[in-house]
Protein backbone atom coordinates (compact mmCIF):
# COMPACT_ATOMS: atom_id res chain seq x y z
CA MET A 1 35.18 21.50 86.35
CA ILE A 2 38.79 22.10 87.39
CA ARG A 3 40.51 24.92 85.47
CA PRO A 4 43.80 26.79 86.00
CA VAL A 5 43.72 29.89 88.14
CA MET A 6 43.46 33.02 86.02
CA GLN A 7 46.81 34.59 85.01
CA LYS A 8 47.55 37.25 83.28
CA ARG A 9 46.54 23.42 57.30
CA CYS A 10 47.54 22.21 55.59
CA THR A 11 48.15 19.32 53.16
CA GLY A 12 51.74 20.34 52.83
CA ILE A 13 54.28 23.04 53.55
CA ILE A 14 55.13 25.54 50.85
CA LEU A 15 58.22 27.58 51.61
CA TYR A 16 58.83 31.13 50.57
CA LEU A 17 61.74 33.49 51.12
CA LEU A 18 61.28 36.15 53.77
CA ALA A 19 63.77 38.98 53.45
CA ILE A 20 64.77 40.35 56.82
CA THR A 21 68.25 41.07 58.15
CA SER A 22 69.15 37.73 56.62
CA THR A 23 67.12 35.20 54.68
CA THR A 24 65.10 32.40 56.26
CA LEU A 25 62.61 29.88 54.98
CA VAL A 26 59.14 30.30 56.41
CA PRO A 27 56.07 28.10 55.83
CA THR A 28 52.92 29.64 54.46
CA ARG A 29 49.31 28.55 53.98
CA HIS A 30 45.81 29.70 53.20
CA ALA A 31 43.50 31.15 55.83
CA LEU A 32 41.61 28.73 58.06
CA ALA A 33 38.77 26.94 56.30
CA TRP A 34 36.58 25.37 58.95
CA GLN A 35 35.80 21.76 58.10
CA GLY A 36 33.52 21.18 61.08
CA PRO A 37 32.46 20.04 63.43
CA TYR A 38 35.92 19.11 64.75
CA ASP A 39 38.70 21.23 63.33
CA TYR A 40 41.65 20.77 65.67
CA ALA A 41 43.84 18.09 67.15
CA VAL A 42 45.18 19.14 70.55
CA ILE A 43 48.59 17.77 71.54
CA GLU A 44 49.82 17.67 75.12
CA ILE A 45 53.30 19.05 75.74
CA ASP A 46 54.88 17.14 78.60
CA THR A 47 56.70 18.80 81.49
CA LEU A 48 60.40 18.66 82.35
CA GLY A 49 59.66 16.38 85.30
CA GLY A 50 57.39 18.59 87.39
CA LEU A 51 53.64 19.05 87.53
CA ILE A 52 53.00 22.31 85.62
CA GLY A 53 53.40 23.40 82.02
CA GLU A 54 52.64 26.68 80.24
CA GLY A 55 52.70 27.18 76.47
CA ARG A 56 53.45 30.81 75.59
CA GLY A 57 54.74 31.24 72.04
CA ILE A 58 54.84 29.43 68.69
CA ASN A 59 56.65 30.17 65.44
CA ASP A 60 55.65 29.35 61.87
CA PHE A 61 57.50 26.03 61.98
CA GLY A 62 55.34 24.83 64.86
CA VAL A 63 58.13 25.19 67.45
CA VAL A 64 56.69 26.07 70.86
CA THR A 65 58.19 27.81 73.87
CA GLY A 66 56.95 28.52 77.38
CA GLY A 67 57.71 27.42 80.92
CA ASP A 68 57.79 23.84 82.17
CA SER A 69 58.20 22.68 85.74
CA THR A 70 61.32 20.74 86.64
CA GLY A 71 60.07 20.37 90.20
CA GLN A 72 60.57 23.56 92.20
CA TRP A 73 61.15 25.93 89.25
CA LEU A 74 59.90 26.55 85.74
CA HIS A 75 62.43 26.33 82.91
CA ALA A 76 62.12 27.77 79.43
CA PHE A 77 61.62 25.01 76.87
CA THR A 78 61.22 24.32 73.19
CA TRP A 79 58.91 21.66 71.82
CA SER A 80 59.24 20.61 68.21
CA ASN A 81 57.13 17.79 66.79
CA GLY A 82 57.21 15.82 70.03
CA THR A 83 60.78 16.64 71.08
CA LEU A 84 60.98 18.61 74.34
CA THR A 85 64.18 20.50 75.20
CA ASP A 86 65.11 22.28 78.44
CA MET A 87 66.59 25.65 77.39
CA GLY A 88 68.19 26.27 80.75
CA VAL A 89 68.50 29.42 82.84
CA LEU A 90 70.66 32.51 82.94
CA ASP A 91 73.18 31.86 85.70
CA PRO A 92 72.75 32.27 88.67
CA HIS A 93 68.95 32.42 88.39
CA PRO A 94 67.05 29.26 89.40
CA GLY A 95 64.18 29.44 86.91
CA SER A 96 63.27 30.76 83.47
CA LYS A 97 60.37 31.17 81.07
CA GLY A 98 60.14 31.60 77.32
CA GLN A 99 57.54 34.11 76.13
CA GLU A 100 57.95 34.26 72.36
CA ILE A 101 59.97 32.47 69.66
CA ASN A 102 60.88 33.77 66.22
CA ASN A 103 61.36 31.81 63.00
CA PHE A 104 65.08 31.35 63.71
CA GLY A 105 64.22 29.64 67.01
CA TRP A 106 65.45 32.57 69.13
CA ILE A 107 63.47 32.92 72.35
CA ALA A 108 62.69 36.02 74.38
CA GLY A 109 61.69 35.66 78.01
CA GLY A 110 63.12 35.92 81.49
CA SER A 111 65.27 34.15 84.04
CA GLY A 112 64.80 34.39 87.78
CA ALA A 113 62.79 33.32 90.77
CA TYR A 114 60.01 35.67 89.61
CA ASN A 115 59.69 37.02 93.13
CA PRO A 116 61.16 39.53 93.28
CA ILE A 117 64.16 39.48 90.90
CA GLU A 118 64.24 38.43 87.26
CA MET A 119 66.28 39.30 84.18
CA ALA A 120 65.21 39.66 80.55
CA THR A 121 66.82 36.81 78.64
CA LEU A 122 67.47 35.85 75.02
CA TRP A 123 68.13 32.27 74.00
CA LYS A 124 69.97 32.46 70.67
CA ASP A 125 71.89 29.74 68.81
CA GLY A 126 72.82 27.90 71.99
CA GLU A 127 73.68 31.02 74.00
CA ILE A 128 71.76 32.37 76.99
CA ILE A 129 72.10 36.15 76.89
CA SER A 130 71.22 38.69 79.57
CA LEU A 131 69.49 41.73 78.08
CA GLY A 132 70.17 43.85 81.16
CA THR A 133 67.96 46.57 82.62
CA LEU A 134 67.41 50.31 82.29
CA GLY A 135 69.26 50.95 85.54
CA GLY A 136 67.13 49.00 87.98
CA ASP A 137 67.40 45.41 89.12
CA ASN A 138 64.59 43.77 87.16
CA SER A 139 63.45 43.22 83.56
CA HIS A 140 61.47 40.77 81.44
CA ALA A 141 61.16 40.23 77.68
CA PHE A 142 57.79 39.48 76.05
CA GLY A 143 58.24 39.71 72.28
CA ILE A 144 60.81 39.11 69.54
CA ASN A 145 60.74 39.52 65.76
CA ASP A 146 62.73 37.84 63.01
CA SER A 147 65.31 40.66 63.03
CA GLY A 148 66.16 39.83 66.66
CA GLN A 149 64.56 42.96 68.10
CA VAL A 150 63.22 42.23 71.60
CA VAL A 151 60.66 44.21 73.60
CA GLY A 152 59.56 44.01 77.20
CA LYS A 153 59.61 45.87 80.48
CA ALA A 154 62.54 47.02 82.60
CA TYR A 155 62.91 48.91 85.84
CA PRO A 156 64.87 52.18 85.67
CA ILE A 157 65.46 52.73 89.40
CA LEU A 158 67.00 50.25 91.85
CA GLY A 159 64.54 48.99 94.42
CA GLU A 160 61.51 50.82 92.99
CA ASN A 161 58.47 49.26 91.34
CA ILE A 162 58.41 51.50 88.25
CA ARG A 163 58.70 49.74 84.90
CA TRP A 164 59.31 51.22 81.49
CA PRO A 165 58.88 49.66 78.05
CA PHE A 166 62.09 48.81 76.22
CA ILE A 167 63.41 47.67 72.88
CA TRP A 168 66.66 45.69 72.72
CA GLN A 169 68.74 45.31 69.58
CA ASP A 170 72.35 44.35 68.91
CA GLY A 171 73.22 44.32 72.60
CA VAL A 172 71.67 47.67 73.47
CA MET A 173 68.50 48.17 75.57
CA THR A 174 66.69 51.45 74.90
CA ALA A 175 63.66 52.86 76.70
CA LEU A 176 60.63 53.33 74.48
CA GLU A 177 58.67 56.57 74.62
CA ILE A 178 56.13 56.92 77.42
CA PHE A 179 53.47 59.55 78.02
CA PRO A 180 54.72 63.01 79.04
CA ASN A 181 54.97 63.56 82.78
CA ALA A 182 54.46 59.84 83.45
CA GLU A 183 58.00 58.89 84.54
CA ASP A 184 56.63 57.42 87.76
CA ARG A 185 54.15 55.23 85.84
CA GLY A 186 55.85 53.97 82.68
CA GLY A 187 54.47 50.99 80.74
CA GLU A 188 55.26 47.64 79.12
CA ALA A 189 55.92 46.47 75.53
CA TRP A 190 54.45 43.06 74.70
CA ASP A 191 55.00 42.29 71.03
CA ILE A 192 56.90 43.49 67.96
CA ASN A 193 56.40 42.67 64.28
CA ASN A 194 58.94 42.33 61.48
CA LEU A 195 58.48 46.01 60.56
CA GLY A 196 59.73 47.03 64.00
CA GLU A 197 56.29 48.17 65.19
CA ALA A 198 55.68 47.34 68.86
CA VAL A 199 52.59 47.29 71.08
CA GLY A 200 51.82 47.21 74.76
CA PHE A 201 50.40 49.62 77.29
CA ALA A 202 51.44 52.72 79.17
CA TRP A 203 50.08 54.98 81.87
CA PRO A 204 49.19 58.57 81.00
CA ASP A 205 50.03 61.26 83.51
CA SER A 206 46.76 60.41 85.24
CA GLY A 207 44.15 57.69 85.00
CA SER A 208 44.45 54.05 83.99
CA GLN A 209 46.52 52.16 81.43
CA HIS A 210 46.12 52.90 77.72
CA ALA A 211 46.77 50.44 74.90
CA VAL A 212 49.62 51.87 72.81
CA MET A 213 51.69 51.26 69.71
CA TRP A 214 55.23 52.36 68.98
CA THR A 215 55.98 52.96 65.31
CA ALA A 216 59.25 51.75 63.80
CA ASP A 217 60.84 55.14 64.53
CA GLY A 218 59.74 54.93 68.19
CA THR A 219 56.78 57.30 68.08
CA LEU A 220 54.14 56.58 70.72
CA VAL A 221 50.55 56.17 69.43
CA ASP A 222 47.67 56.08 71.93
CA LEU A 223 45.17 53.40 70.80
CA THR A 224 42.67 54.07 73.60
CA PRO A 225 42.81 57.81 74.35
CA ASP A 226 39.56 57.71 76.33
CA LEU A 227 39.58 54.14 77.69
CA PHE A 228 41.53 51.67 79.77
CA GLY A 229 43.23 49.19 77.45
CA GLN A 230 46.14 46.89 76.76
CA ALA A 231 47.62 45.64 73.47
CA HIS A 232 49.36 42.26 73.54
CA GLY A 233 49.86 41.20 69.91
CA ILE A 234 50.66 42.71 66.51
CA ASN A 235 50.97 41.07 63.09
CA ASN A 236 52.97 42.09 60.03
CA LEU A 237 49.95 43.96 58.64
CA GLY A 238 49.99 46.29 61.63
CA GLU A 239 46.80 44.79 63.08
CA VAL A 240 46.80 44.81 66.87
CA ALA A 241 45.10 42.43 69.34
CA GLY A 242 44.19 43.43 72.86
CA PHE A 243 41.31 44.51 75.06
CA VAL A 244 39.66 47.69 76.29
CA GLU A 245 37.60 48.86 79.24
CA TYR A 246 35.22 46.26 80.61
CA ALA A 247 37.76 43.69 79.32
CA ASN A 248 36.38 43.34 75.82
CA ALA A 249 38.66 41.77 73.22
CA VAL A 250 39.33 44.03 70.24
CA ILE A 251 41.42 44.12 67.08
CA TRP A 252 42.76 47.47 65.87
CA ARG A 253 43.13 48.09 62.14
CA ASP A 254 44.80 51.36 61.15
CA GLY A 255 44.37 52.42 64.75
CA VAL A 256 40.59 51.86 64.73
CA PRO A 257 39.28 49.26 67.23
CA THR A 258 36.78 46.58 66.24
CA GLN A 259 35.16 44.70 69.11
CA ILE A 260 35.39 40.91 68.77
CA HIS A 261 33.94 40.16 72.20
CA ASP A 262 30.92 37.84 72.20
CA TRP A 263 28.44 38.82 74.89
CA GLY A 264 26.63 35.53 74.43
CA LEU A 265 29.71 33.63 75.56
CA ALA A 266 31.62 35.79 77.92
CA GLN A 267 31.65 38.28 80.73
CA ASP A 268 35.17 39.43 79.83
CA SER A 269 37.52 38.56 76.98
CA TYR A 270 41.20 39.15 76.25
CA ALA A 271 42.79 38.99 72.79
CA GLU A 272 46.41 37.87 73.10
CA ALA A 273 47.77 37.36 69.56
CA VAL A 274 46.88 37.92 65.89
CA ASN A 275 48.48 36.21 62.89
CA ASP A 276 48.94 37.49 59.35
CA PHE A 277 45.54 36.07 58.36
CA SER A 278 43.82 38.30 60.96
CA GLU A 279 42.99 35.26 63.13
CA VAL A 280 42.99 36.07 66.83
CA SER A 281 43.61 33.84 69.83
CA GLY A 282 42.89 34.64 73.45
CA TYR A 283 40.64 33.68 76.32
CA TYR A 284 37.35 34.74 77.84
CA ILE A 285 35.80 34.50 81.28
CA HIS A 286 32.50 32.61 81.35
CA TRP A 287 29.44 34.53 82.49
CA GLN A 288 28.31 32.04 85.12
CA SER A 289 31.28 29.95 86.20
CA GLY A 290 33.99 32.61 86.08
CA ASP A 291 36.28 30.03 84.45
CA PRO A 292 38.70 30.94 81.62
CA TYR A 293 38.13 29.44 78.16
CA ALA A 294 40.50 29.61 75.20
CA PHE A 295 39.04 31.08 72.03
CA ILE A 296 39.85 31.66 68.39
CA TRP A 297 38.28 34.46 66.38
CA THR A 298 38.07 34.84 62.61
CA GLU A 299 36.22 37.38 60.49
CA GLN A 300 34.00 34.61 59.10
CA THR A 301 33.05 32.79 62.30
CA GLY A 302 33.44 35.30 65.09
CA MET A 303 34.58 34.16 68.53
CA ARG A 304 34.56 30.39 68.98
CA THR A 305 35.42 28.35 72.06
CA LEU A 306 38.46 26.22 71.25
CA GLU A 307 37.11 23.27 73.23
CA ASP A 308 34.15 23.16 70.84
CA LEU A 309 36.51 22.62 67.90
CA ILE A 310 38.30 19.51 69.22
CA ALA A 311 37.11 15.92 69.33
CA PRO A 312 34.47 14.99 71.94
CA GLN A 313 35.12 12.95 75.08
CA SER A 314 38.33 14.88 75.59
CA ARG A 315 40.05 15.19 78.95
CA TRP A 316 41.12 18.75 78.06
CA GLU A 317 39.92 22.00 79.61
CA LEU A 318 41.55 24.56 77.33
CA ALA A 319 41.82 27.72 79.41
CA TYR A 320 44.31 30.05 77.69
CA ALA A 321 45.22 30.53 74.01
CA LEU A 322 48.26 32.83 74.13
CA ASP A 323 49.71 32.70 70.61
CA ILE A 324 48.74 31.71 67.06
CA ASN A 325 51.01 31.21 64.06
CA ASP A 326 50.27 31.62 60.37
CA PHE A 327 49.20 27.97 60.12
CA GLY A 328 46.43 28.67 62.62
CA MET A 329 48.25 26.56 65.23
CA ILE A 330 47.44 27.75 68.74
CA VAL A 331 49.55 27.42 71.86
CA GLY A 332 48.49 27.91 75.46
CA TYR A 333 47.77 25.91 78.57
CA GLY A 334 44.90 24.32 80.42
CA MET A 335 43.99 21.26 82.43
CA HIS A 336 44.51 17.77 81.03
CA ALA A 337 43.30 14.96 83.25
CA ASP A 338 43.34 17.46 86.17
CA LEU A 339 46.98 18.47 85.56
CA GLN A 340 48.05 21.85 84.19
CA ARG A 341 49.73 21.27 80.85
CA ALA A 342 50.92 23.24 77.85
CA TYR A 343 49.25 22.34 74.58
CA VAL A 344 49.46 22.99 70.88
CA ALA A 345 46.19 22.85 68.94
CA THR A 346 46.78 22.24 65.25
CA PRO A 347 44.22 22.45 62.42
CA VAL A 348 43.56 19.15 60.64
CA THR A 349 42.74 18.62 56.98
CA PRO A 350 41.00 15.32 56.23
CA SER A 351 41.39 13.99 52.70
CA ILE A 352 39.90 10.50 53.29
CA GLN A 353 36.18 9.87 53.74
CA LEU A 354 35.41 7.47 56.61
CA THR A 355 31.94 6.00 57.15
CA ASN A 356 30.30 4.99 60.39
CA ALA A 357 30.67 1.37 61.44
CA HIS A 358 27.80 -0.75 60.12
CA PRO A 359 25.48 -2.03 61.52
CA GLY A 360 26.71 -0.20 64.64
CA VAL A 361 25.63 -3.00 66.99
CA ALA A 362 27.87 -4.43 69.72
CA GLY A 363 28.34 -8.20 69.71
CA GLN A 364 28.17 -8.35 65.91
CA VAL A 365 30.56 -8.12 62.98
CA ASN A 366 30.82 -4.49 61.89
CA GLY A 367 32.43 -2.95 58.87
CA ILE A 368 33.96 0.50 58.47
CA ARG A 369 34.98 1.89 55.09
CA ALA A 370 37.50 4.49 53.92
CA SER A 371 37.15 5.96 50.44
CA GLY A 372 38.86 8.53 48.28
CA LEU A 373 42.10 6.52 48.27
CA GLN A 374 44.55 5.71 45.54
CA PRO A 375 44.08 2.04 44.55
CA GLY A 376 46.59 -0.17 46.33
CA THR A 377 47.09 2.24 49.22
CA LYS A 378 47.40 0.71 52.69
CA VAL A 379 45.26 2.54 55.22
CA TYR A 380 45.20 2.02 58.99
CA PHE A 381 41.99 2.24 61.04
CA CYS A 382 42.35 3.66 64.55
CA TRP A 383 39.95 4.05 67.43
CA SER A 384 39.86 5.50 70.92
CA GLY A 385 37.38 6.28 73.65
CA GLN A 386 38.89 9.75 74.10
CA GLY A 387 39.33 12.75 71.84
CA GLY A 388 42.41 14.91 71.85
CA GLY A 389 45.42 14.49 69.63
CA THR A 390 48.33 12.25 68.73
CA LEU A 391 51.28 12.89 66.45
CA ILE A 392 51.47 10.69 63.36
CA PRO A 393 54.85 8.91 63.31
CA GLY A 394 57.09 10.46 60.68
CA CYS A 395 54.69 13.36 60.00
CA ASP A 396 55.19 16.99 60.91
CA VAL A 397 52.57 18.50 63.23
CA THR A 398 52.10 21.38 60.76
CA VAL A 399 50.81 18.87 58.18
CA ASN A 400 48.35 16.70 60.13
CA ALA A 401 47.73 14.95 63.43
CA LEU A 402 45.21 12.41 64.65
CA GLN A 403 42.35 13.72 66.76
CA LEU A 404 42.38 10.66 69.03
CA GLU A 405 44.10 10.32 72.38
CA ASN A 406 46.03 7.08 72.94
CA PRO A 407 44.67 5.52 69.73
CA THR A 408 44.60 1.80 69.07
CA VAL A 409 45.10 0.44 65.57
CA ALA A 410 42.15 -1.88 64.89
CA GLY A 411 43.64 -3.12 61.65
CA SER A 412 44.55 -2.15 58.10
CA ALA A 413 43.21 -2.70 54.60
CA ILE A 414 44.28 -2.13 51.01
CA ALA A 415 42.26 0.16 48.74
CA ASP A 416 40.59 -1.61 45.83
CA ALA A 417 40.33 -0.39 42.24
CA ASN A 418 37.57 2.02 43.31
CA GLY A 419 39.74 3.59 46.00
CA ARG A 420 37.86 1.95 48.86
CA ALA A 421 39.25 0.04 51.81
CA THR A 422 37.03 -1.83 54.28
CA LEU A 423 37.88 -3.27 57.68
CA LYS A 424 35.54 -5.82 59.26
CA GLY A 425 35.62 -7.24 62.77
CA ASN A 426 33.55 -8.27 65.75
CA ILE A 427 32.62 -5.52 68.20
CA PRO A 428 32.60 -6.85 71.80
CA ARG A 429 29.25 -6.90 73.60
CA ASN A 430 30.59 -4.68 76.42
CA VAL A 431 30.84 -1.78 73.95
CA SER A 432 27.02 -1.55 73.89
CA GLY A 433 25.91 1.95 74.88
CA LYS A 434 29.45 3.35 74.61
CA THR A 435 30.70 6.03 72.22
CA LEU A 436 33.92 5.36 70.32
CA LEU A 437 35.91 7.61 68.00
CA PHE A 438 37.35 6.37 64.71
CA GLN A 439 39.86 7.82 62.26
CA ALA A 440 41.81 6.40 59.33
CA VAL A 441 45.40 7.37 58.57
CA ILE A 442 48.05 6.80 55.90
CA PRO A 443 51.34 7.43 57.75
CA SER A 444 53.43 7.39 54.58
CA SER A 445 51.62 10.46 53.21
CA CYS A 446 50.35 11.92 56.51
CA GLU A 447 46.75 11.80 55.23
CA ILE A 448 43.87 11.38 57.66
CA SER A 449 40.13 10.87 57.46
CA ASN A 450 37.29 12.77 59.01
CA LEU A 451 36.56 11.89 62.63
CA VAL A 452 33.71 9.41 63.16
CA VAL A 453 31.89 9.55 66.50
CA GLN A 454 29.68 6.52 67.02
CA THR A 455 27.57 5.18 69.87
CA PHE A 456 26.99 1.42 69.54
CA GLU A 457 23.65 -0.20 70.24
């Protein structure tokens, strides 16, 4: 199995008004309800011409950011429902990377060659803005909220490898509080919520890193006073995602850690993000292979391997799940057909019931039926030999997506008075012993069926 090297639902969209510094429309939904056994479609995000892609952040409209290879360098990008855009670099830096994107589409990240010089960068309404440093020659932004507050790390002394956490707002970068007597150690801020609460890690005056939170007034709170730890994500409820000593993923509620690590799955695990439904994304390191695997955790199901929730016969090895939005959409990167690619995994909500093909014998006429349709509805029957995901033409990815890769339309049928549509056709003899995947779709309403996995005799 080739995996990347380790580095550190909806039937519709209902809009509500979110009051922040100005007003924006933000989608909402109910918490994830696992349909099983295949809950996600996973969509490949192409590169900007190079070989490597990394998905890093996603907002509640399903817009993704990260870093895509143009050849020699990564460039920050946005991906929105199949449209990929190069966000460019902060002149004169050769490369860039987006880390997080808010609901206005503003991106926090960095521009540079990454070794050794880079500059914290904000992409906002067509502008590429340098956020500066704290006096040194290096900085990087990791998180942004809907008020435009940005957090990250910056170096206070020219030429020295000491970084301090910062918050940037309205053109001003300010150092966040660090532990007393730890000026030569500092820390990093990784995420910030819409209340202005930030999280990250900092070094005490001795010992290893501690996971920390900064309240809206800038007060430093030690989340792991007796343990090594890092905090990487915070939601608008003040819940924090991260990991503690021995690399166990945890979620903090009111400052109290709850372990979400699954010892049956993993040697180590790292929680990277938590949404407002307390759903956590991250990755774990497998006990035996040492390979990274993307996971999602919910209160109801515990830690689940993301690859187990997508269609079978997939060419995906989902290694890292680095962000999750309030739709339960997950962004990260992994290997697709032996190439490192960014992905977005989106929950699917079938509303059509699809049966297995009958009699399920190659070389004979088989029939497959969709039910639960409005009479007179035209439904398309698709098949593929590979699981994965494909956007439905004219449909937003936050609504539904097919769970087939490179699907072929076998044909269409019209629902009868009982709401049933049947497609019949001859299955070639060479399909005998092979497993095919089937799904029905109504593009006009973005409705899909359950996924049928069938091995033909």
